[in-house]
Amino acid sequence: MWSDLKYAIADRLFCAEMDDAFRMGVQHGAEFATRNISFQMNLKNKDLTKAQQIGYDKALTALQGAKEIIQDGTGAQVR
């Protein structure tokens, strides 16, 4: 009960600030995850067979599409 009251008061007083903090957290999390995945993908492009290279190229294409979706959905800077 006490915690519900604390959250109700905080929601009333700091609603906009909490919404901004949530959006910022989502944006930074999306940037971190996307950059980390991109970095790991760039490390893996060594000594691949032809079939592995084809799969790798398709994965990079999918990653580019995902980056655009993430940027549009969160505003994250993931280029």
C-alpha atoms as a PDB file:
ATOM      1  CA  MET A   1       0.000   0.000   0.000  1.00  0.00           C
ATOM      2  CA  TRP A   2       2.768   2.439   0.919  1.00  0.00           C
ATOM      3  CA  SER A   3       4.679   1.680  -2.280  1.00  0.00           C
ATOM      4  CA  ASP A   4       1.520   2.234  -4.349  1.00  0.00           C
ATOM      5  CA  LEU A   5       1.105   5.649  -2.746  1.00  0.00           C
ATOM      6  CA  LYS A   6       4.761   6.514  -3.408  1.00  0.00           C
ATOM      7  CA  TYR A   7       4.397   5.556  -7.074  1.00  0.00           C
ATOM      8  CA  ALA A   8       1.135   7.481  -7.407  1.00  0.00           C
ATOM      9  CA  ILE A   9       2.757  10.615  -5.957  1.00  0.00           C
ATOM     10  CA  ALA A  10       5.855  10.207  -8.133  1.00  0.00           C
ATOM     11  CA  ASP A  11       3.685   9.658 -11.206  1.00  0.00           C
ATOM     12  CA  ARG A  12       1.728  12.815 -10.535  1.00  0.00           C
ATOM     13  CA  LEU A  13       4.807  14.962  -9.800  1.00  0.00           C
ATOM     14  CA  PHE A  14       7.315  13.536 -12.279  1.00  0.00           C
ATOM     15  CA  CYS A  15       5.261  11.964 -15.069  1.00  0.00           C
ATOM     16  CA  ALA A  16       6.966  13.794 -17.937  1.00  0.00           C
ATOM     17  CA  GLU A  17      10.447  13.268 -16.488  1.00  0.00           C
ATOM     18  CA  MET A  18       9.846   9.532 -16.017  1.00  0.00           C
ATOM     19  CA  ASP A  19       8.504   9.228 -19.566  1.00  0.00           C
ATOM     20  CA  ASP A  20      11.592  11.026 -20.904  1.00  0.00           C
ATOM     21  CA  ALA A  21      13.897   8.801 -18.851  1.00  0.00           C
ATOM     22  CA  PHE A  22      12.135   5.686 -20.147  1.00  0.00           C
ATOM     23  CA  ARG A  23      12.427   6.831 -23.780  1.00  0.00           C
ATOM     24  CA  MET A  24      16.077   7.688 -23.236  1.00  0.00           C
ATOM     25  CA  GLY A  25      16.728   4.244 -21.752  1.00  0.00           C
ATOM     26  CA  VAL A  26      15.067   2.514 -24.698  1.00  0.00           C
ATOM     27  CA  GLN A  27      17.027   4.646 -27.159  1.00  0.00           C
ATOM     28  CA  HIS A  28      20.399   4.052 -25.490  1.00  0.00           C
ATOM     29  CA  GLY A  29      19.699   0.344 -25.112  1.00  0.00           C
ATOM     30  CA  ALA A  30      18.841   0.059 -28.797  1.00  0.00           C
ATOM     31  CA  GLU A  31      22.005   1.951 -29.776  1.00  0.00           C
ATOM     32  CA  PHE A  32      24.194  -0.230 -27.572  1.00  0.00           C
ATOM     33  CA  ALA A  33      22.691  -3.505 -28.759  1.00  0.00           C
ATOM     34  CA  THR A  34      22.800  -2.562 -32.432  1.00  0.00           C
ATOM     35  CA  ARG A  35      26.371  -1.295 -32.292  1.00  0.00           C
ATOM     36  CA  ASN A  36      27.476  -4.375 -30.392  1.00  0.00           C
ATOM     37  CA  ILE A  37      25.864  -6.718 -32.926  1.00  0.00           C
ATOM     38  CA  SER A  38      27.329  -4.726 -35.831  1.00  0.00           C
ATOM     39  CA  PHE A  39      30.791  -4.830 -34.281  1.00  0.00           C
ATOM     40  CA  GLN A  40      30.569  -8.590 -33.687  1.00  0.00           C
ATOM     41  CA  MET A  41      29.368  -9.144 -37.261  1.00  0.00           C
ATOM     42  CA  ASN A  42      32.330  -7.200 -38.647  1.00  0.00           C
ATOM     43  CA  LEU A  43      34.751  -9.357 -36.649  1.00  0.00           C
ATOM     44  CA  LYS A  44      33.437 -12.607 -38.124  1.00  0.00           C
ATOM     45  CA  ASN A  45      34.246 -11.920 -41.789  1.00  0.00           C
ATOM     46  CA  LYS A  46      37.507 -13.872 -42.039  1.00  0.00           C
ATOM     47  CA  ASP A  47      38.295 -17.082 -43.935  1.00  0.00           C
ATOM     48  CA  LEU A  48      34.724 -17.941 -44.871  1.00  0.00           C
ATOM     49  CA  THR A  49      33.756 -20.579 -47.405  1.00  0.00           C
ATOM     50  CA  LYS A  50      31.616 -19.491 -50.354  1.00  0.00           C
ATOM     51  CA  ALA A  51      28.444 -20.795 -48.669  1.00  0.00           C
ATOM     52  CA  GLN A  52      29.364 -19.108 -45.395  1.00  0.00           C
ATOM     53  CA  GLN A  53      30.056 -15.842 -47.239  1.00  0.00           C
ATOM     54  CA  ILE A  54      26.628 -15.972 -48.890  1.00  0.00           C
ATOM     55  CA  GLY A  55      24.990 -16.481 -45.475  1.00  0.00           C
ATOM     56  CA  TYR A  56      27.130 -13.748 -43.956  1.00  0.00           C
ATOM     57  CA  ASP A  57      26.139 -11.309 -46.708  1.00  0.00           C
ATOM     58  CA  LYS A  58      22.447 -12.101 -46.171  1.00  0.00           C
ATOM     59  CA  ALA A  59      22.881 -11.563 -42.427  1.00  0.00           C
ATOM     60  CA  LEU A  60      24.474  -8.156 -43.068  1.00  0.00           C
ATOM     61  CA  THR A  61      21.566  -7.228 -45.315  1.00  0.00           C
ATOM     62  CA  ALA A  62      19.114  -8.267 -42.596  1.00  0.00           C
ATOM     63  CA  LEU A  63      21.099  -6.284 -40.029  1.00  0.00           C
ATOM     64  CA  GLN A  64      20.874  -3.145 -42.181  1.00  0.00           C
ATOM     65  CA  GLY A  65      17.108  -3.546 -42.408  1.00  0.00           C
ATOM     66  CA  ALA A  66      16.887  -4.071 -38.659  1.00  0.00           C
ATOM     67  CA  LYS A  67      18.977  -0.954 -38.029  1.00  0.00           C
ATOM     68  CA  GLU A  68      16.515   1.136 -40.027  1.00  0.00           C
ATOM     69  CA  ILE A  69      13.548  -0.333 -38.149  1.00  0.00           C
ATOM     70  CA  ILE A  70      15.272   0.284 -34.795  1.00  0.00           C
ATOM     71  CA  GLN A  71      16.146   3.847 -35.730  1.00  0.00           C
ATOM     72  CA  ASP A  72      12.617   4.587 -36.908  1.00  0.00           C
ATOM     73  CA  GLY A  73      11.058   2.988 -33.843  1.00  0.00           C
ATOM     74  CA  THR A  74      13.337   4.420 -31.143  1.00  0.00           C
ATOM     75  CA  GLY A  75      15.179   7.367 -32.660  1.00  0.00           C
ATOM     76  CA  ALA A  76      18.459   5.619 -31.864  1.00  0.00           C
ATOM     77  CA  GLN A  77      21.482   6.636 -33.933  1.00  0.00           C
ATOM     78  CA  VAL A  78      22.649   3.244 -35.219  1.00  0.00           C
ATOM     79  CA  ARG A  79      24.371   3.887 -38.541  1.00  0.00           C
END
